[in-house]
């Protein structure tokens, strides 16, 4: 559920509920999207664009990449090399 830019139910969370996350981090891929968002922020210092994020989400979901794996892949990008 989306409310005021956040997903999840408002107020205290029951142990069986999904954590509340900013809506921009929520997608149908769930954890893959959150992992990708954190990795982009950690490595590139910005939020991902949807097209760029999709490949990393697929890596998390299909190849079981961890956040460290996504960060490693982002460090191979032209954007990262040009940022340094």
PDB file of N, CA and C in Angstrom:
ATOM      1  N   UNK A   1       0.837  -1.166   0.000  1.00  0.00           N
ATOM      2  CA  UNK A   1       0.000   0.000   0.000  1.00  0.00           C
ATOM      3  C   UNK A   1       0.890   1.240   0.000  1.00  0.00           C
ATOM      4  N   UNK A   2       0.525   2.239  -0.786  1.00  0.00           N
ATOM      5  CA  UNK A   2       1.288   3.474  -0.895  1.00  0.00           C
ATOM      6  C   UNK A   2       0.539   4.578  -0.181  1.00  0.00           C
ATOM      7  N   UNK A   3       1.189   5.207   0.794  1.00  0.00           N
ATOM      8  CA  UNK A   3       0.600   6.321   1.536  1.00  0.00           C
ATOM      9  C   UNK A   3       1.644   7.389   1.755  1.00  0.00           C
ATOM     10  N   UNK A   4       1.329   8.579   1.327  1.00  0.00           N
ATOM     11  CA  UNK A   4       2.219   9.722   1.556  1.00  0.00           C
ATOM     12  C   UNK A   4       3.659   9.434   1.171  1.00  0.00           C
ATOM     13  N   UNK A   5       3.843   8.732   0.060  1.00  0.00           N
ATOM     14  CA  UNK A   5       5.189   8.466  -0.417  1.00  0.00           C
ATOM     15  C   UNK A   5       5.875   7.278   0.231  1.00  0.00           C
ATOM     16  N   UNK A   6       5.141   6.525   1.071  1.00  0.00           N
ATOM     17  CA  UNK A   6       5.717   5.360   1.734  1.00  0.00           C
ATOM     18  C   UNK A   6       4.870   4.140   1.429  1.00  0.00           C
ATOM     19  N   UNK A   7       5.518   2.994   1.372  1.00  0.00           N
ATOM     20  CA  UNK A   7       4.785   1.746   1.221  1.00  0.00           C
ATOM     21  C   UNK A   7       4.599   1.138   2.598  1.00  0.00           C
ATOM     22  N   UNK A   8       3.672   0.226   2.721  1.00  0.00           N
ATOM     23  CA  UNK A   8       3.432  -0.442   3.997  1.00  0.00           C
ATOM     24  C   UNK A   8       2.398   0.290   4.820  1.00  0.00           C
ATOM     25  N   UNK A   9       1.977  -0.349   5.876  1.00  0.00           N
ATOM     26  CA  UNK A   9       0.954   0.230   6.749  1.00  0.00           C
ATOM     27  C   UNK A   9       1.579   1.282   7.653  1.00  0.00           C
ATOM     28  N   UNK A  10       0.811   2.341   7.969  1.00  0.00           N
ATOM     29  CA  UNK A  10       1.342   3.362   8.869  1.00  0.00           C
ATOM     30  C   UNK A  10       1.415   2.849  10.296  1.00  0.00           C
ATOM     31  N   UNK A  11       2.210   3.510  11.111  1.00  0.00           N
ATOM     32  CA  UNK A  11       2.278   3.176  12.527  1.00  0.00           C
ATOM     33  C   UNK A  11       3.219   2.023  12.823  1.00  0.00           C
ATOM     34  N   UNK A  12       3.150   1.540  14.057  1.00  0.00           N
ATOM     35  CA  UNK A  12       4.042   0.438  14.462  1.00  0.00           C
ATOM     36  C   UNK A  12       3.832  -0.789  13.585  1.00  0.00           C
ATOM     37  N   UNK A  13       4.881  -1.523  13.415  1.00  0.00           N
ATOM     38  CA  UNK A  13       4.871  -2.683  12.533  1.00  0.00           C
ATOM     39  C   UNK A  13       4.801  -3.962  13.351  1.00  0.00           C
ATOM     40  N   UNK A  14       3.941  -4.887  12.901  1.00  0.00           N
ATOM     41  CA  UNK A  14       3.904  -6.219  13.501  1.00  0.00           C
ATOM     42  C   UNK A  14       5.104  -7.006  12.964  1.00  0.00           C
ATOM     43  N   UNK A  15       5.568  -7.999  13.691  1.00  0.00           N
ATOM     44  CA  UNK A  15       6.729  -8.773  13.226  1.00  0.00           C
ATOM     45  C   UNK A  15       6.534  -9.442  11.867  1.00  0.00           C
ATOM     46  N   UNK A  16       5.293  -9.740  11.496  1.00  0.00           N
ATOM     47  CA  UNK A  16       5.046 -10.415  10.224  1.00  0.00           C
ATOM     48  C   UNK A  16       4.811  -9.455   9.066  1.00  0.00           C
ATOM     49  N   UNK A  17       4.902  -8.146   9.290  1.00  0.00           N
ATOM     50  CA  UNK A  17       4.663  -7.156   8.242  1.00  0.00           C
ATOM     51  C   UNK A  17       5.951  -6.788   7.520  1.00  0.00           C
ATOM     52  N   UNK A  18       5.791  -6.380   6.268  1.00  0.00           N
ATOM     53  CA  UNK A  18       6.917  -5.852   5.503  1.00  0.00           C
ATOM     54  C   UNK A  18       7.335  -4.518   6.118  1.00  0.00           C
ATOM     55  N   UNK A  19       8.622  -4.213   6.122  1.00  0.00           N
ATOM     56  CA  UNK A  19       9.057  -2.909   6.630  1.00  0.00           C
ATOM     57  C   UNK A  19       8.576  -1.787   5.718  1.00  0.00           C
ATOM     58  N   UNK A  20       8.385  -0.610   6.292  1.00  0.00           N
ATOM     59  CA  UNK A  20       8.000   0.555   5.505  1.00  0.00           C
ATOM     60  C   UNK A  20       9.252   1.094   4.840  1.00  0.00           C
ATOM     61  N   UNK A  21       9.163   1.362   3.557  1.00  0.00           N
ATOM     62  CA  UNK A  21      10.284   1.917   2.811  1.00  0.00           C
ATOM     63  C   UNK A  21       9.768   3.051   1.947  1.00  0.00           C
ATOM     64  N   UNK A  22      10.620   4.024   1.631  1.00  0.00           N
ATOM     65  CA  UNK A  22      10.176   5.079   0.717  1.00  0.00           C
ATOM     66  C   UNK A  22       9.667   4.466  -0.579  1.00  0.00           C
ATOM     67  N   UNK A  23       8.617   5.040  -1.134  1.00  0.00           N
ATOM     68  CA  UNK A  23       7.986   4.490  -2.330  1.00  0.00           C
ATOM     69  C   UNK A  23       8.955   4.360  -3.486  1.00  0.00           C
ATOM     70  N   UNK A  24       9.923   5.267  -3.596  1.00  0.00           N
ATOM     71  CA  UNK A  24      10.843   5.185  -4.726  1.00  0.00           C
ATOM     72  C   UNK A  24      11.740   3.952  -4.637  1.00  0.00           C
ATOM     73  N   UNK A  25      11.846   3.348  -3.460  1.00  0.00           N
ATOM     74  CA  UNK A  25      12.643   2.136  -3.317  1.00  0.00           C
ATOM     75  C   UNK A  25      11.802   0.884  -3.496  1.00  0.00           C
ATOM     76  N   UNK A  26      10.492   1.028  -3.540  1.00  0.00           N
ATOM     77  CA  UNK A  26       9.624  -0.138  -3.644  1.00  0.00           C
ATOM     78  C   UNK A  26       9.308  -0.409  -5.102  1.00  0.00           C
ATOM     79  N   UNK A  27       9.409  -1.651  -5.475  1.00  0.00           N
ATOM     80  CA  UNK A  27       9.016  -2.040  -6.808  1.00  0.00           C
ATOM     81  C   UNK A  27       8.562  -3.481  -6.757  1.00  0.00           C
ATOM     82  N   UNK A  28       8.106  -4.007  -7.864  1.00  0.00           N
ATOM     83  CA  UNK A  28       7.640  -5.379  -7.875  1.00  0.00           C
ATOM     84  C   UNK A  28       8.754  -6.351  -7.529  1.00  0.00           C
ATOM     85  N   UNK A  29       9.980  -5.941  -7.686  1.00  0.00           N
ATOM     86  CA  UNK A  29      11.104  -6.820  -7.389  1.00  0.00           C
ATOM     87  C   UNK A  29      11.417  -6.855  -5.900  1.00  0.00           C
ATOM     88  N   UNK A  30      10.785  -6.000  -5.105  1.00  0.00           N
ATOM     89  CA  UNK A  30      10.969  -6.026  -3.654  1.00  0.00           C
ATOM     90  C   UNK A  30      12.405  -5.840  -3.238  1.00  0.00           C
ATOM     91  N   UNK A  31      12.970  -6.878  -2.659  1.00  0.00           N
ATOM     92  CA  UNK A  31      14.325  -6.788  -2.121  1.00  0.00           C
ATOM     93  C   UNK A  31      15.362  -6.441  -3.177  1.00  0.00           C
ATOM     94  N   UNK A  32      15.177  -6.924  -4.389  1.00  0.00           N
ATOM     95  CA  UNK A  32      16.120  -6.584  -5.449  1.00  0.00           C
ATOM     96  C   UNK A  32      16.189  -5.094  -5.692  1.00  0.00           C
ATOM     97  N   UNK A  33      15.039  -4.432  -5.647  1.00  0.00           N
ATOM     98  CA  UNK A  33      14.993  -2.984  -5.829  1.00  0.00           C
ATOM     99  C   UNK A  33      15.647  -2.245  -4.683  1.00  0.00           C
ATOM    100  N   UNK A  34      15.399  -2.698  -3.464  1.00  0.00           N
ATOM    101  CA  UNK A  34      16.007  -2.046  -2.304  1.00  0.00           C
ATOM    102  C   UNK A  34      17.520  -2.228  -2.316  1.00  0.00           C
ATOM    103  N   UNK A  35      17.969  -3.430  -2.675  1.00  0.00           N
ATOM    104  CA  UNK A  35      19.410  -3.685  -2.760  1.00  0.00           C
ATOM    105  C   UNK A  35      20.041  -2.784  -3.813  1.00  0.00           C
ATOM    106  N   UNK A  36      19.402  -2.681  -4.963  1.00  0.00           N
ATOM    107  CA  UNK A  36      19.918  -1.833  -6.030  1.00  0.00           C
ATOM    108  C   UNK A  36      19.983  -0.375  -5.644  1.00  0.00           C
ATOM    109  N   UNK A  37      18.939   0.124  -4.986  1.00  0.00           N
ATOM    110  CA  UNK A  37      18.925   1.521  -4.550  1.00  0.00           C
ATOM    111  C   UNK A  37      20.066   1.803  -3.584  1.00  0.00           C
ATOM    112  N   UNK A  38      20.241   0.929  -2.590  1.00  0.00           N
ATOM    113  CA  UNK A  38      21.325   1.148  -1.625  1.00  0.00           C
ATOM    114  C   UNK A  38      22.686   1.122  -2.309  1.00  0.00           C
ATOM    115  N   UNK A  39      22.884   0.176  -3.217  1.00  0.00           N
ATOM    116  CA  UNK A  39      24.171   0.072  -3.909  1.00  0.00           C
ATOM    117  C   UNK A  39      24.446   1.323  -4.749  1.00  0.00           C
ATOM    118  N   UNK A  40      23.445   1.797  -5.466  1.00  0.00           N
ATOM    119  CA  UNK A  40      23.623   3.027  -6.261  1.00  0.00           C
ATOM    120  C   UNK A  40      24.027   4.181  -5.360  1.00  0.00           C
ATOM    121  N   UNK A  41      23.347   4.335  -4.247  1.00  0.00           N
ATOM    122  CA  UNK A  41      23.668   5.447  -3.341  1.00  0.00           C
ATOM    123  C   UNK A  41      25.070   5.304  -2.768  1.00  0.00           C
ATOM    124  N   UNK A  42      25.437   4.084  -2.400  1.00  0.00           N
ATOM    125  CA  UNK A  42      26.767   3.852  -1.816  1.00  0.00           C
ATOM    126  C   UNK A  42      27.889   4.102  -2.808  1.00  0.00           C
ATOM    127  N   UNK A  43      27.714   3.665  -4.046  1.00  0.00           N
ATOM    128  CA  UNK A  43      28.797   3.731  -5.027  1.00  0.00           C
ATOM    129  C   UNK A  43      28.761   5.010  -5.852  1.00  0.00           C
ATOM    130  N   UNK A  44      27.595   5.369  -6.358  1.00  0.00           N
ATOM    131  CA  UNK A  44      27.491   6.516  -7.265  1.00  0.00           C
ATOM    132  C   UNK A  44      26.963   7.784  -6.582  1.00  0.00           C
ATOM    133  N   UNK A  45      26.471   7.633  -5.366  1.00  0.00           N
ATOM    134  CA  UNK A  45      25.990   8.792  -4.625  1.00  0.00           C
ATOM    135  C   UNK A  45      24.698   9.377  -5.171  1.00  0.00           C
ATOM    136  N   UNK A  46      23.903   8.551  -5.829  1.00  0.00           N
ATOM    137  CA  UNK A  46      22.643   9.030  -6.393  1.00  0.00           C
ATOM    138  C   UNK A  46      21.637   7.899  -6.460  1.00  0.00           C
ATOM    139  N   UNK A  47      20.390   8.268  -6.697  1.00  0.00           N
ATOM    140  CA  UNK A  47      19.352   7.278  -6.918  1.00  0.00           C
ATOM    141  C   UNK A  47      19.481   6.733  -8.336  1.00  0.00           C
ATOM    142  N   UNK A  48      19.118   5.483  -8.529  1.00  0.00           N
ATOM    143  CA  UNK A  48      19.219   4.902  -9.868  1.00  0.00           C
ATOM    144  C   UNK A  48      18.112   5.366 -10.791  1.00  0.00           C
ATOM    145  N   UNK A  49      18.412   5.363 -12.084  1.00  0.00           N
ATOM    146  CA  UNK A  49      17.359   5.576 -13.070  1.00  0.00           C
ATOM    147  C   UNK A  49      16.713   4.210 -13.290  1.00  0.00           C
ATOM    148  N   UNK A  50      15.425   4.176 -13.648  1.00  0.00           N
ATOM    149  CA  UNK A  50      14.719   2.895 -13.774  1.00  0.00           C
ATOM    150  C   UNK A  50      15.386   1.909 -14.723  1.00  0.00           C
ATOM    151  N   UNK A  51      15.851   2.383 -15.858  1.00  0.00           N
ATOM    152  CA  UNK A  51      16.464   1.474 -16.836  1.00  0.00           C
ATOM    153  C   UNK A  51      17.758   0.879 -16.290  1.00  0.00           C
ATOM    154  N   UNK A  52      18.563   1.689 -15.651  1.00  0.00           N
ATOM    155  CA  UNK A  52      19.817   1.198 -15.094  1.00  0.00           C
ATOM    156  C   UNK A  52      19.602   0.238 -13.944  1.00  0.00           C
ATOM    157  N   UNK A  53      18.624   0.523 -13.116  1.00  0.00           N
ATOM    158  CA  UNK A  53      18.340  -0.322 -11.967  1.00  0.00           C
ATOM    159  C   UNK A  53      17.892  -1.719 -12.381  1.00  0.00           C
ATOM    160  N   UNK A  54      17.134  -1.812 -13.451  1.00  0.00           N
ATOM    161  CA  UNK A  54      16.525  -3.086 -13.850  1.00  0.00           C
ATOM    162  C   UNK A  54      17.543  -4.215 -14.000  1.00  0.00           C
ATOM    163  N   UNK A  55      18.666  -3.935 -14.632  1.00  0.00           N
ATOM    164  CA  UNK A  55      19.668  -4.979 -14.807  1.00  0.00           C
ATOM    165  C   UNK A  55      20.222  -5.492 -13.489  1.00  0.00           C
ATOM    166  N   UNK A  56      20.410  -4.606 -12.530  1.00  0.00           N
ATOM    167  CA  UNK A  56      20.932  -5.013 -11.237  1.00  0.00           C
ATOM    168  C   UNK A  56      19.877  -5.766 -10.435  1.00  0.00           C
ATOM    169  N   UNK A  57      18.617  -5.351 -10.558  1.00  0.00           N
ATOM    170  CA  UNK A  57      17.533  -6.079  -9.894  1.00  0.00           C
ATOM    171  C   UNK A  57      17.487  -7.513 -10.422  1.00  0.00           C
ATOM    172  N   UNK A  58      17.623  -7.664 -11.729  1.00  0.00           N
ATOM    173  CA  UNK A  58      17.618  -9.004 -12.307  1.00  0.00           C
ATOM    174  C   UNK A  58      18.811  -9.829 -11.804  1.00  0.00           C
ATOM    175  N   UNK A  59      19.949  -9.187 -11.620  1.00  0.00           N
ATOM    176  CA  UNK A  59      21.101  -9.886 -11.059  1.00  0.00           C
ATOM    177  C   UNK A  59      20.824 -10.399  -9.655  1.00  0.00           C
ATOM    178  N   UNK A  60      20.168  -9.566  -8.847  1.00  0.00           N
ATOM    179  CA  UNK A  60      19.813  -9.971  -7.483  1.00  0.00           C
ATOM    180  C   UNK A  60      18.819 -11.124  -7.516  1.00  0.00           C
ATOM    181  N   UNK A  61      17.808 -11.002  -8.355  1.00  0.00           N
ATOM    182  CA  UNK A  61      16.751 -12.009  -8.375  1.00  0.00           C
ATOM    183  C   UNK A  61      17.164 -13.309  -9.051  1.00  0.00           C
ATOM    184  N   UNK A  62      17.859 -13.210 -10.160  1.00  0.00           N
ATOM    185  CA  UNK A  62      18.173 -14.420 -10.937  1.00  0.00           C
ATOM    186  C   UNK A  62      19.521 -15.032 -10.592  1.00  0.00           C
ATOM    187  N   UNK A  63      20.483 -14.174 -10.288  1.00  0.00           N
ATOM    188  CA  UNK A  63      21.833 -14.681 -10.020  1.00  0.00           C
ATOM    189  C   UNK A  63      22.175 -14.670  -8.539  1.00  0.00           C
ATOM    190  N   UNK A  64      21.204 -14.231  -7.726  1.00  0.00           N
ATOM    191  CA  UNK A  64      21.369 -14.184  -6.260  1.00  0.00           C
ATOM    192  C   UNK A  64      22.507 -13.259  -5.831  1.00  0.00           C
ATOM    193  N   UNK A  65      22.687 -12.153  -6.598  1.00  0.00           N
ATOM    194  CA  UNK A  65      23.701 -11.175  -6.222  1.00  0.00           C
ATOM    195  C   UNK A  65      23.374 -10.580  -4.865  1.00  0.00           C
ATOM    196  N   UNK A  66      24.417 -10.271  -4.129  1.00  0.00           N
ATOM    197  CA  UNK A  66      24.289  -9.539  -2.874  1.00  0.00           C
ATOM    198  C   UNK A  66      24.475  -8.050  -3.173  1.00  0.00           C
ATOM    199  N   UNK A  67      24.294  -7.230  -2.152  1.00  0.00           N
ATOM    200  CA  UNK A  67      24.543  -5.799  -2.326  1.00  0.00           C
ATOM    201  C   UNK A  67      26.004  -5.556  -2.710  1.00  0.00           C
ATOM    202  N   UNK A  68      26.908  -6.324  -2.143  1.00  0.00           N
ATOM    203  CA  UNK A  68      28.332  -6.191  -2.496  1.00  0.00           C
ATOM    204  C   UNK A  68      28.566  -6.543  -3.967  1.00  0.00           C
ATOM    205  N   UNK A  69      27.850  -7.526  -4.485  1.00  0.00           N
ATOM    206  CA  UNK A  69      27.979  -7.878  -5.900  1.00  0.00           C
ATOM    207  C   UNK A  69      27.515  -6.731  -6.787  1.00  0.00           C
ATOM    208  N   UNK A  70      26.388  -6.117  -6.427  1.00  0.00           N
ATOM    209  CA  UNK A  70      25.870  -4.992  -7.219  1.00  0.00           C
ATOM    210  C   UNK A  70      26.857  -3.833  -7.153  1.00  0.00           C
ATOM    211  N   UNK A  71      27.382  -3.557  -5.972  1.00  0.00           N
ATOM    212  CA  UNK A  71      28.366  -2.478  -5.836  1.00  0.00           C
ATOM    213  C   UNK A  71      29.600  -2.758  -6.694  1.00  0.00           C
ATOM    214  N   UNK A  72      30.055  -3.999  -6.704  1.00  0.00           N
ATOM    215  CA  UNK A  72      31.215  -4.369  -7.537  1.00  0.00           C
ATOM    216  C   UNK A  72      30.931  -4.088  -9.009  1.00  0.00           C
ATOM    217  N   UNK A  73      29.740  -4.465  -9.468  1.00  0.00           N
ATOM    218  CA  UNK A  73      29.372  -4.229 -10.867  1.00  0.00           C
ATOM    219  C   UNK A  73      29.276  -2.737 -11.163  1.00  0.00           C
ATOM    220  N   UNK A  74      28.723  -1.961 -10.243  1.00  0.00           N
ATOM    221  CA  UNK A  74      28.628  -0.513 -10.452  1.00  0.00           C
ATOM    222  C   UNK A  74      30.009   0.128 -10.547  1.00  0.00           C
ATOM    223  N   UNK A  75      30.978  -0.407  -9.820  1.00  0.00           N
ATOM    224  CA  UNK A  75      32.340   0.138  -9.871  1.00  0.00           C
ATOM    225  C   UNK A  75      33.022  -0.129 -11.214  1.00  0.00           C
ATOM    226  N   UNK A  76      32.443  -1.009 -12.011  1.00  0.00           N
ATOM    227  CA  UNK A  76      32.961  -1.271 -13.358  1.00  0.00           C
ATOM    228  C   UNK A  76      32.360  -0.317 -14.392  1.00  0.00           C
ATOM    229  N   UNK A  77      31.387   0.493 -13.984  1.00  0.00           N
ATOM    230  CA  UNK A  77      30.667   1.352 -14.929  1.00  0.00           C
ATOM    231  C   UNK A  77      31.497   2.571 -15.342  1.00  0.00           C
ATOM    232  N   UNK A  78      31.193   3.086 -16.532  1.00  0.00           N
ATOM    233  CA  UNK A  78      31.838   4.316 -17.005  1.00  0.00           C
ATOM    234  C   UNK A  78      31.546   5.467 -16.045  1.00  0.00           C
ATOM    235  N   UNK A  79      30.331   5.534 -15.556  1.00  0.00           N
ATOM    236  CA  UNK A  79      29.968   6.624 -14.643  1.00  0.00           C
ATOM    237  C   UNK A  79      30.869   6.627 -13.417  1.00  0.00           C
ATOM    238  N   UNK A  80      31.119   5.473 -12.837  1.00  0.00           N
ATOM    239  CA  UNK A  80      31.976   5.396 -11.669  1.00  0.00           C
ATOM    240  C   UNK A  80      33.411   5.768 -12.014  1.00  0.00           C
ATOM    241  N   UNK A  81      33.926   5.229 -13.108  1.00  0.00           N
ATOM    242  CA  UNK A  81      35.304   5.544 -13.503  1.00  0.00           C
ATOM    243  C   UNK A  81      35.486   7.017 -13.793  1.00  0.00           C
ATOM    244  N   UNK A  82      34.483   7.659 -14.414  1.00  0.00           N
ATOM    245  CA  UNK A  82      34.576   9.081 -14.742  1.00  0.00           C
ATOM    246  C   UNK A  82      34.373   9.980 -13.522  1.00  0.00           C
ATOM    247  N   UNK A  83      33.746   9.435 -12.495  1.00  0.00           N
ATOM    248  CA  UNK A  83      33.461  10.199 -11.275  1.00  0.00           C
ATOM    249  C   UNK A  83      34.713  10.383 -10.426  1.00  0.00           C
ATOM    250  N   UNK A  84      35.632   9.445 -10.500  1.00  0.00           N
ATOM    251  CA  UNK A  84      36.816   9.439  -9.637  1.00  0.00           C
ATOM    252  C   UNK A  84      37.774  10.517  -9.947  1.00  0.00           C
TER     253      UNK A  84
END
